[in-house]
Amino acid sequence: MADRDPGDDGRGPVDVRLLSPEEWHLARDARLAALRDAPESFLLTQPHESSWTEQRWRRSCVTGLWAVAQVGRSIVGLARLTDEGMGPHVESVWTHPRYRRRGVASALVRLLVNAEHARGLADVFVWVIHPNPAAFRLYRSLGFEPTDERQPLDGLGRVEERLRLSGAIRGD
């Protein structure tokens, strides 16, 4: 469903919601569509998500929150928030090309951050791979601030930068 063109002009009503672990297949389909659409914007996992089993995808829905944006039955956006390893952080943010610059990514990140704040946690992070000016604009518009933390991406010749959101998201 995520790979399919939504079939309209990009102005249909977009519903944003969290996925349940039983909807693991929606996270899988949308994540694989995102990797096909913009592989340079994401870090690939090892083993590659295309080889993950149902059990591994279900676990990703338990160890983190997946949020999707839908138009009808088509997935037009995806994001995940997880606390695995480095504190609560947003990852895997993607919007279908026909829905970009319409607030879909902002709505997804806002939903995830609000869910995290409801659990009583304050700071949320995101790593942004350079160069990605659209991603930096998105996170800065939501209130994420630079941390001055950067790290090289081994073997890729690229760098990622960590941003932090302390407190409430802007525009909320």
N, C-alpha and C. Protein backbone atom coordinates (compact mmCIF):
# COMPACT_ATOMS: atom_id res chain seq x y z
N MET A 1 0.80 -1.20 0.00
CA MET A 1 0.00 0.00 0.00
C MET A 1 0.85 1.26 0.00
N ALA A 2 1.98 1.26 0.68
CA ALA A 2 2.78 2.47 0.77
C ALA A 2 3.46 2.80 -0.54
N ASP A 3 3.78 1.81 -1.35
CA ASP A 3 4.51 2.03 -2.59
C ASP A 3 3.61 2.56 -3.68
N ARG A 4 2.36 2.23 -3.61
CA ARG A 4 1.38 2.64 -4.60
C ARG A 4 1.18 4.14 -4.58
N ASP A 5 1.02 4.73 -5.73
CA ASP A 5 0.72 6.15 -5.82
C ASP A 5 -0.66 6.37 -5.21
N PRO A 6 -0.80 7.35 -4.31
CA PRO A 6 -2.11 7.58 -3.70
C PRO A 6 -3.21 7.89 -4.70
N GLY A 7 -2.84 8.26 -5.93
CA GLY A 7 -3.85 8.38 -6.97
C GLY A 7 -4.67 9.64 -6.97
N ASP A 8 -4.23 10.66 -6.26
CA ASP A 8 -4.94 11.93 -6.35
C ASP A 8 -3.92 13.05 -6.49
N ASP A 9 -4.35 14.26 -6.34
CA ASP A 9 -3.45 15.39 -6.57
C ASP A 9 -2.67 15.79 -5.32
N GLY A 10 -2.68 14.98 -4.28
CA GLY A 10 -1.94 15.30 -3.08
C GLY A 10 -2.69 16.21 -2.12
N ARG A 11 -3.96 16.42 -2.36
CA ARG A 11 -4.72 17.31 -1.49
C ARG A 11 -5.80 16.59 -0.70
N GLY A 12 -5.83 15.28 -0.78
CA GLY A 12 -6.83 14.54 -0.03
C GLY A 12 -6.61 14.67 1.46
N PRO A 13 -7.63 14.39 2.27
CA PRO A 13 -7.48 14.47 3.72
C PRO A 13 -6.49 13.41 4.21
N VAL A 14 -5.58 13.85 5.06
CA VAL A 14 -4.54 12.98 5.59
C VAL A 14 -4.86 12.69 7.05
N ASP A 15 -4.93 11.42 7.40
CA ASP A 15 -5.11 11.00 8.78
C ASP A 15 -3.78 10.51 9.31
N VAL A 16 -3.41 10.97 10.50
CA VAL A 16 -2.15 10.58 11.13
C VAL A 16 -2.49 9.80 12.39
N ARG A 17 -1.85 8.63 12.53
CA ARG A 17 -2.16 7.79 13.70
C ARG A 17 -0.99 6.89 14.04
N LEU A 18 -1.00 6.38 15.28
CA LEU A 18 -0.01 5.41 15.72
C LEU A 18 -0.44 4.02 15.27
N LEU A 19 0.54 3.18 14.95
CA LEU A 19 0.25 1.80 14.59
C LEU A 19 0.29 0.91 15.81
N SER A 20 -0.51 -0.12 15.80
CA SER A 20 -0.45 -1.15 16.84
C SER A 20 0.52 -2.24 16.36
N PRO A 21 1.03 -3.06 17.25
CA PRO A 21 1.92 -4.16 16.82
C PRO A 21 1.27 -5.08 15.79
N GLU A 22 -0.05 -5.20 15.81
CA GLU A 22 -0.75 -6.04 14.83
C GLU A 22 -0.70 -5.44 13.43
N GLU A 23 -0.34 -4.18 13.33
CA GLU A 23 -0.25 -3.50 12.03
C GLU A 23 1.20 -3.41 11.54
N TRP A 24 2.04 -4.31 12.01
CA TRP A 24 3.46 -4.32 11.66
C TRP A 24 3.68 -4.28 10.15
N HIS A 25 2.79 -4.92 9.40
CA HIS A 25 2.96 -4.98 7.94
C HIS A 25 2.84 -3.60 7.30
N LEU A 26 2.09 -2.69 7.91
CA LEU A 26 2.00 -1.33 7.38
C LEU A 26 3.32 -0.58 7.59
N ALA A 27 3.93 -0.79 8.77
CA ALA A 27 5.24 -0.19 9.01
C ALA A 27 6.26 -0.75 8.02
N ARG A 28 6.24 -2.03 7.82
CA ARG A 28 7.17 -2.67 6.88
C ARG A 28 7.00 -2.11 5.47
N ASP A 29 5.77 -2.10 4.98
CA ASP A 29 5.53 -1.65 3.61
C ASP A 29 5.94 -0.19 3.41
N ALA A 30 5.61 0.65 4.38
CA ALA A 30 5.95 2.07 4.27
C ALA A 30 7.46 2.29 4.38
N ARG A 31 8.12 1.57 5.29
CA ARG A 31 9.57 1.72 5.44
C ARG A 31 10.29 1.28 4.17
N LEU A 32 9.89 0.18 3.58
CA LEU A 32 10.53 -0.28 2.36
C LEU A 32 10.27 0.68 1.19
N ALA A 33 9.08 1.27 1.15
CA ALA A 33 8.79 2.28 0.13
C ALA A 33 9.69 3.50 0.32
N ALA A 34 9.89 3.91 1.58
CA ALA A 34 10.77 5.05 1.86
C ALA A 34 12.20 4.76 1.42
N LEU A 35 12.68 3.56 1.68
CA LEU A 35 14.05 3.20 1.29
C LEU A 35 14.20 3.18 -0.23
N ARG A 36 13.15 2.76 -0.93
CA ARG A 36 13.22 2.78 -2.40
C ARG A 36 13.18 4.21 -2.93
N ASP A 37 12.38 5.06 -2.28
CA ASP A 37 12.20 6.43 -2.75
C ASP A 37 13.42 7.31 -2.47
N ALA A 38 13.99 7.22 -1.29
CA ALA A 38 15.05 8.15 -0.88
C ALA A 38 16.12 7.45 -0.05
N PRO A 39 16.82 6.47 -0.62
CA PRO A 39 17.79 5.70 0.16
C PRO A 39 18.90 6.56 0.77
N GLU A 40 19.24 7.66 0.13
CA GLU A 40 20.30 8.52 0.63
C GLU A 40 19.92 9.26 1.91
N SER A 41 18.65 9.28 2.26
CA SER A 41 18.18 10.00 3.45
C SER A 41 18.15 9.14 4.70
N PHE A 42 18.43 7.86 4.57
CA PHE A 42 18.30 6.94 5.69
C PHE A 42 19.55 6.11 5.89
N LEU A 43 19.75 5.71 7.14
CA LEU A 43 20.78 4.72 7.43
C LEU A 43 20.13 3.35 7.31
N LEU A 44 20.78 2.47 6.62
CA LEU A 44 20.24 1.13 6.47
C LEU A 44 20.63 0.29 7.68
N THR A 45 19.74 -0.58 8.07
CA THR A 45 20.04 -1.48 9.17
C THR A 45 20.68 -2.74 8.60
N GLN A 46 21.35 -3.45 9.46
CA GLN A 46 21.93 -4.75 9.09
C GLN A 46 21.32 -5.79 10.00
N PRO A 47 20.68 -6.81 9.51
CA PRO A 47 20.43 -7.02 8.09
C PRO A 47 19.38 -6.02 7.56
N HIS A 48 19.40 -5.84 6.25
CA HIS A 48 18.50 -4.89 5.60
C HIS A 48 17.04 -5.23 5.94
N GLU A 49 16.23 -4.19 6.13
CA GLU A 49 14.83 -4.40 6.51
C GLU A 49 14.06 -5.28 5.54
N SER A 50 14.45 -5.31 4.29
CA SER A 50 13.73 -6.15 3.32
C SER A 50 13.85 -7.63 3.66
N SER A 51 14.83 -7.99 4.48
CA SER A 51 14.99 -9.40 4.86
C SER A 51 14.46 -9.70 6.26
N TRP A 52 13.90 -8.69 6.93
CA TRP A 52 13.38 -8.92 8.27
C TRP A 52 12.20 -9.88 8.23
N THR A 53 12.10 -10.69 9.25
CA THR A 53 10.97 -11.60 9.41
C THR A 53 9.78 -10.85 10.01
N GLU A 54 8.64 -11.49 9.98
CA GLU A 54 7.46 -10.92 10.64
C GLU A 54 7.77 -10.66 12.11
N GLN A 55 8.46 -11.60 12.75
CA GLN A 55 8.79 -11.45 14.17
C GLN A 55 9.63 -10.20 14.41
N ARG A 56 10.60 -9.94 13.56
CA ARG A 56 11.46 -8.76 13.70
C ARG A 56 10.66 -7.47 13.51
N TRP A 57 9.75 -7.46 12.54
CA TRP A 57 8.91 -6.27 12.33
C TRP A 57 7.97 -6.07 13.52
N ARG A 58 7.41 -7.15 14.03
CA ARG A 58 6.54 -7.01 15.21
C ARG A 58 7.32 -6.43 16.38
N ARG A 59 8.56 -6.92 16.55
CA ARG A 59 9.40 -6.40 17.64
C ARG A 59 9.65 -4.91 17.47
N SER A 60 9.83 -4.44 16.23
CA SER A 60 10.06 -3.01 15.99
C SER A 60 8.84 -2.19 16.41
N CYS A 61 7.66 -2.82 16.39
CA CYS A 61 6.43 -2.12 16.80
C CYS A 61 6.27 -2.13 18.31
N VAL A 62 7.03 -2.98 18.99
CA VAL A 62 6.98 -3.04 20.45
C VAL A 62 8.08 -2.17 21.06
N THR A 63 9.24 -2.16 20.43
CA THR A 63 10.38 -1.39 20.96
C THR A 63 10.33 0.08 20.57
N GLY A 64 9.39 0.44 19.74
CA GLY A 64 9.23 1.83 19.35
C GLY A 64 7.81 2.08 18.88
N LEU A 65 7.50 3.34 18.68
CA LEU A 65 6.19 3.72 18.15
C LEU A 65 6.34 4.05 16.68
N TRP A 66 5.52 3.44 15.84
CA TRP A 66 5.45 3.79 14.42
C TRP A 66 4.19 4.63 14.24
N ALA A 67 4.33 5.70 13.49
CA ALA A 67 3.18 6.53 13.13
C ALA A 67 3.09 6.58 11.61
N VAL A 68 1.87 6.56 11.11
CA VAL A 68 1.66 6.65 9.66
C VAL A 68 0.70 7.78 9.35
N ALA A 69 0.84 8.28 8.14
CA ALA A 69 -0.11 9.24 7.57
C ALA A 69 -0.79 8.49 6.43
N GLN A 70 -2.12 8.53 6.42
CA GLN A 70 -2.88 7.80 5.41
C GLN A 70 -3.85 8.71 4.68
N VAL A 71 -4.03 8.41 3.42
CA VAL A 71 -5.10 8.98 2.61
C VAL A 71 -5.89 7.77 2.15
N GLY A 72 -7.09 7.64 2.69
CA GLY A 72 -7.84 6.42 2.43
C GLY A 72 -7.06 5.23 2.96
N ARG A 73 -6.78 4.25 2.10
CA ARG A 73 -6.01 3.08 2.52
C ARG A 73 -4.53 3.18 2.17
N SER A 74 -4.14 4.27 1.53
CA SER A 74 -2.74 4.45 1.12
C SER A 74 -1.93 5.14 2.20
N ILE A 75 -0.76 4.60 2.49
CA ILE A 75 0.17 5.22 3.42
C ILE A 75 0.97 6.27 2.64
N VAL A 76 0.95 7.51 3.14
CA VAL A 76 1.67 8.59 2.46
C VAL A 76 2.75 9.19 3.35
N GLY A 77 2.93 8.65 4.55
CA GLY A 77 3.98 9.13 5.44
C GLY A 77 4.23 8.15 6.56
N LEU A 78 5.44 8.24 7.11
CA LEU A 78 5.87 7.30 8.15
C LEU A 78 6.89 7.97 9.06
N ALA A 79 6.89 7.61 10.32
CA ALA A 79 7.92 8.03 11.27
C ALA A 79 7.92 7.06 12.44
N ARG A 80 9.06 6.99 13.12
CA ARG A 80 9.19 6.10 14.27
C ARG A 80 9.87 6.84 15.40
N LEU A 81 9.47 6.54 16.62
CA LEU A 81 10.15 7.02 17.81
C LEU A 81 10.54 5.81 18.63
N THR A 82 11.80 5.75 19.01
CA THR A 82 12.29 4.63 19.80
C THR A 82 13.23 5.14 20.87
N ASP A 83 13.46 4.32 21.87
CA ASP A 83 14.38 4.67 22.96
C ASP A 83 15.53 3.66 22.98
N GLU A 84 15.71 2.95 21.91
CA GLU A 84 16.75 1.93 21.87
C GLU A 84 18.13 2.57 21.84
N GLY A 85 18.87 2.42 22.94
CA GLY A 85 20.28 2.76 22.96
C GLY A 85 20.68 4.18 23.27
N MET A 86 20.02 5.18 22.72
CA MET A 86 20.53 6.54 22.85
C MET A 86 19.49 7.55 23.31
N GLY A 87 18.55 7.14 24.09
CA GLY A 87 17.49 8.04 24.53
C GLY A 87 16.41 8.14 23.47
N PRO A 88 15.26 8.72 23.82
CA PRO A 88 14.16 8.80 22.88
C PRO A 88 14.57 9.59 21.63
N HIS A 89 14.39 8.99 20.49
CA HIS A 89 14.74 9.68 19.25
C HIS A 89 13.80 9.31 18.12
N VAL A 90 13.61 10.28 17.25
CA VAL A 90 12.76 10.13 16.07
C VAL A 90 13.65 9.61 14.94
N GLU A 91 13.09 8.70 14.15
CA GLU A 91 13.83 8.16 13.01
C GLU A 91 12.85 7.74 11.92
N SER A 92 13.40 7.41 10.77
CA SER A 92 12.63 6.85 9.66
C SER A 92 11.50 7.76 9.17
N VAL A 93 11.68 9.07 9.24
CA VAL A 93 10.65 10.00 8.80
C VAL A 93 10.66 10.07 7.28
N TRP A 94 9.49 9.85 6.69
CA TRP A 94 9.36 9.84 5.23
C TRP A 94 7.97 10.29 4.85
N THR A 95 7.88 11.02 3.73
CA THR A 95 6.61 11.43 3.14
C THR A 95 6.62 11.08 1.66
N HIS A 96 5.52 10.52 1.18
CA HIS A 96 5.38 10.22 -0.25
C HIS A 96 5.62 11.50 -1.04
N PRO A 97 6.33 11.42 -2.17
CA PRO A 97 6.66 12.63 -2.94
C PRO A 97 5.47 13.54 -3.25
N ARG A 98 4.30 12.98 -3.51
CA ARG A 98 3.13 13.83 -3.84
C ARG A 98 2.57 14.57 -2.64
N TYR A 99 3.02 14.20 -1.43
CA TYR A 99 2.49 14.82 -0.21
C TYR A 99 3.52 15.67 0.52
N ARG A 100 4.69 15.85 -0.05
CA ARG A 100 5.73 16.63 0.60
C ARG A 100 5.35 18.11 0.65
N ARG A 101 5.84 18.77 1.68
CA ARG A 101 5.62 20.19 1.93
C ARG A 101 4.15 20.53 2.17
N ARG A 102 3.44 19.57 2.76
CA ARG A 102 2.03 19.76 3.12
C ARG A 102 1.78 19.52 4.60
N GLY A 103 2.86 19.43 5.39
CA GLY A 103 2.72 19.27 6.83
C GLY A 103 2.61 17.83 7.31
N VAL A 104 2.78 16.87 6.42
CA VAL A 104 2.64 15.46 6.81
C VAL A 104 3.74 15.07 7.80
N ALA A 105 5.00 15.36 7.47
CA ALA A 105 6.11 14.99 8.37
C ALA A 105 5.97 15.70 9.71
N SER A 106 5.58 16.97 9.69
CA SER A 106 5.39 17.71 10.95
C SER A 106 4.32 17.04 11.81
N ALA A 107 3.23 16.64 11.19
CA ALA A 107 2.14 15.98 11.94
C ALA A 107 2.61 14.66 12.53
N LEU A 108 3.39 13.90 11.76
CA LEU A 108 3.89 12.62 12.26
C LEU A 108 4.83 12.82 13.45
N VAL A 109 5.78 13.73 13.32
CA VAL A 109 6.73 13.98 14.41
C VAL A 109 6.00 14.53 15.63
N ARG A 110 5.06 15.43 15.41
CA ARG A 110 4.28 15.99 16.52
C ARG A 110 3.53 14.88 17.28
N LEU A 111 2.90 13.97 16.55
CA LEU A 111 2.18 12.86 17.19
C LEU A 111 3.11 12.02 18.04
N LEU A 112 4.27 11.68 17.50
CA LEU A 112 5.23 10.85 18.25
C LEU A 112 5.77 11.58 19.48
N VAL A 113 6.13 12.84 19.32
CA VAL A 113 6.67 13.60 20.45
C VAL A 113 5.61 13.77 21.53
N ASN A 114 4.39 14.06 21.14
CA ASN A 114 3.31 14.19 22.13
C ASN A 114 3.08 12.88 22.87
N ALA A 115 3.15 11.75 22.17
CA ALA A 115 3.01 10.45 22.83
C ALA A 115 4.14 10.23 23.83
N GLU A 116 5.35 10.64 23.47
CA GLU A 116 6.50 10.51 24.38
C GLU A 116 6.34 11.41 25.59
N HIS A 117 5.87 12.64 25.38
CA HIS A 117 5.66 13.56 26.50
C HIS A 117 4.56 13.05 27.43
N ALA A 118 3.56 12.38 26.88
CA ALA A 118 2.48 11.82 27.71
C ALA A 118 3.02 10.75 28.66
N ARG A 119 4.13 10.13 28.28
CA ARG A 119 4.78 9.14 29.14
C ARG A 119 5.67 9.80 30.18
N GLY A 120 5.77 11.14 30.15
CA GLY A 120 6.54 11.87 31.14
C GLY A 120 7.98 12.14 30.76
N LEU A 121 8.38 11.86 29.54
CA LEU A 121 9.75 12.11 29.12
C LEU A 121 9.85 13.46 28.43
N ALA A 122 10.94 14.18 28.68
CA ALA A 122 11.03 15.55 28.20
C ALA A 122 11.82 15.71 26.91
N ASP A 123 13.05 15.22 26.87
CA ASP A 123 13.91 15.46 25.72
C ASP A 123 13.74 14.36 24.67
N VAL A 124 13.64 14.79 23.43
CA VAL A 124 13.58 13.88 22.28
C VAL A 124 14.65 14.35 21.30
N PHE A 125 15.32 13.40 20.68
CA PHE A 125 16.41 13.69 19.77
C PHE A 125 16.10 13.21 18.36
N VAL A 126 16.88 13.73 17.42
CA VAL A 126 16.84 13.24 16.05
C VAL A 126 18.24 13.42 15.48
N TRP A 127 18.69 12.44 14.69
CA TRP A 127 19.94 12.56 13.95
C TRP A 127 19.57 12.85 12.50
N VAL A 128 20.19 13.88 11.91
CA VAL A 128 19.91 14.25 10.53
C VAL A 128 21.19 14.08 9.72
N ILE A 129 21.09 13.34 8.64
CA ILE A 129 22.24 13.10 7.76
C ILE A 129 22.46 14.32 6.87
N HIS A 130 23.70 14.76 6.79
CA HIS A 130 24.08 15.88 5.91
C HIS A 130 24.29 15.36 4.50
N PRO A 131 23.98 16.08 3.46
CA PRO A 131 23.18 17.30 3.48
C PRO A 131 21.70 16.94 3.35
N ASN A 132 20.87 17.55 4.13
CA ASN A 132 19.43 17.36 4.04
C ASN A 132 18.75 18.62 4.58
N PRO A 133 18.83 19.72 3.80
CA PRO A 133 18.28 20.99 4.29
C PRO A 133 16.79 20.93 4.61
N ALA A 134 16.02 20.14 3.87
CA ALA A 134 14.58 20.05 4.16
C ALA A 134 14.34 19.46 5.55
N ALA A 135 15.11 18.43 5.91
CA ALA A 135 14.96 17.83 7.23
C ALA A 135 15.35 18.82 8.32
N PHE A 136 16.45 19.54 8.13
CA PHE A 136 16.85 20.54 9.12
C PHE A 136 15.77 21.60 9.29
N ARG A 137 15.18 22.07 8.19
CA ARG A 137 14.11 23.07 8.29
C ARG A 137 12.92 22.50 9.06
N LEU A 138 12.55 21.28 8.75
CA LEU A 138 11.42 20.64 9.44
C LEU A 138 11.66 20.61 10.95
N TYR A 139 12.78 20.05 11.37
CA TYR A 139 13.01 19.90 12.81
C TYR A 139 13.20 21.24 13.51
N ARG A 140 13.87 22.17 12.87
CA ARG A 140 14.03 23.50 13.47
C ARG A 140 12.67 24.18 13.63
N SER A 141 11.77 24.02 12.64
CA SER A 141 10.44 24.64 12.73
C SER A 141 9.62 24.06 13.88
N LEU A 142 9.93 22.84 14.28
CA LEU A 142 9.22 22.19 15.38
C LEU A 142 9.85 22.48 16.74
N GLY A 143 11.00 23.15 16.74
CA GLY A 143 11.63 23.51 18.00
C GLY A 143 12.87 22.70 18.35
N PHE A 144 13.30 21.79 17.50
CA PHE A 144 14.54 21.05 17.75
C PHE A 144 15.72 22.02 17.61
N GLU A 145 16.68 21.89 18.50
CA GLU A 145 17.85 22.76 18.52
C GLU A 145 19.13 21.94 18.32
N PRO A 146 20.13 22.54 17.69
CA PRO A 146 21.41 21.83 17.52
C PRO A 146 22.04 21.49 18.87
N THR A 147 22.71 20.37 18.93
CA THR A 147 23.44 19.97 20.14
C THR A 147 24.94 20.10 19.94
N ASP A 148 25.36 20.43 18.75
CA ASP A 148 26.77 20.47 18.37
C ASP A 148 27.41 19.09 18.37
N GLU A 149 26.57 18.04 18.38
CA GLU A 149 27.09 16.68 18.27
C GLU A 149 26.99 16.25 16.81
N ARG A 150 28.12 15.79 16.30
CA ARG A 150 28.17 15.26 14.93
C ARG A 150 28.95 13.96 14.98
N GLN A 151 28.62 13.09 14.06
CA GLN A 151 29.39 11.85 13.97
C GLN A 151 29.48 11.41 12.51
N PRO A 152 30.64 10.88 12.15
CA PRO A 152 30.80 10.37 10.78
C PRO A 152 30.03 9.07 10.63
N LEU A 153 29.54 8.84 9.45
CA LEU A 153 28.86 7.59 9.15
C LEU A 153 29.88 6.68 8.49
N ASP A 154 30.30 5.66 9.20
CA ASP A 154 31.36 4.77 8.75
C ASP A 154 31.14 4.28 7.34
N GLY A 155 32.16 4.46 6.53
CA GLY A 155 32.14 3.93 5.17
C GLY A 155 31.28 4.70 4.19
N LEU A 156 30.56 5.70 4.64
CA LEU A 156 29.67 6.43 3.75
C LEU A 156 30.21 7.79 3.34
N GLY A 157 31.24 8.27 4.05
CA GLY A 157 31.79 9.57 3.74
C GLY A 157 30.82 10.71 4.04
N ARG A 158 29.88 10.48 4.93
CA ARG A 158 28.89 11.49 5.30
C ARG A 158 28.87 11.66 6.81
N VAL A 159 28.19 12.70 7.25
CA VAL A 159 28.11 13.04 8.67
C VAL A 159 26.65 13.21 9.04
N GLU A 160 26.33 12.89 10.29
CA GLU A 160 24.99 13.20 10.79
C GLU A 160 25.12 14.09 12.01
N GLU A 161 24.08 14.90 12.21
CA GLU A 161 24.06 15.87 13.31
C GLU A 161 22.86 15.59 14.20
N ARG A 162 23.09 15.71 15.51
CA ARG A 162 22.04 15.44 16.49
C ARG A 162 21.37 16.74 16.90
N LEU A 163 20.03 16.73 16.89
CA LEU A 163 19.22 17.86 17.35
C LEU A 163 18.40 17.40 18.55
N ARG A 164 18.07 18.33 19.44
CA ARG A 164 17.31 18.02 20.65
C ARG A 164 16.08 18.89 20.74
N LEU A 165 15.00 18.28 21.17
CA LEU A 165 13.78 19.01 21.52
C LEU A 165 13.58 18.87 23.01
N SER A 166 13.64 19.98 23.73
CA SER A 166 13.40 19.97 25.16
C SER A 166 12.04 20.61 25.40
N GLY A 167 11.16 19.88 26.04
CA GLY A 167 9.84 20.42 26.32
C GLY A 167 8.88 20.20 25.18
N ALA A 168 7.92 21.10 25.06
CA ALA A 168 6.83 20.94 24.09
C ALA A 168 7.30 21.30 22.68
N ILE A 169 6.62 20.71 21.73
CA ILE A 169 6.90 20.98 20.33
C ILE A 169 6.27 22.32 19.96
N ARG A 170 6.90 23.06 19.08
CA ARG A 170 6.35 24.36 18.64
C ARG A 170 5.04 24.17 17.90
N GLY A 171 4.18 25.16 18.05
CA GLY A 171 2.92 25.14 17.32
C GLY A 171 1.88 24.24 17.96
N ASP A 172 2.16 23.77 19.15
CA ASP A 172 1.23 22.88 19.83
C ASP A 172 0.33 23.63 20.77
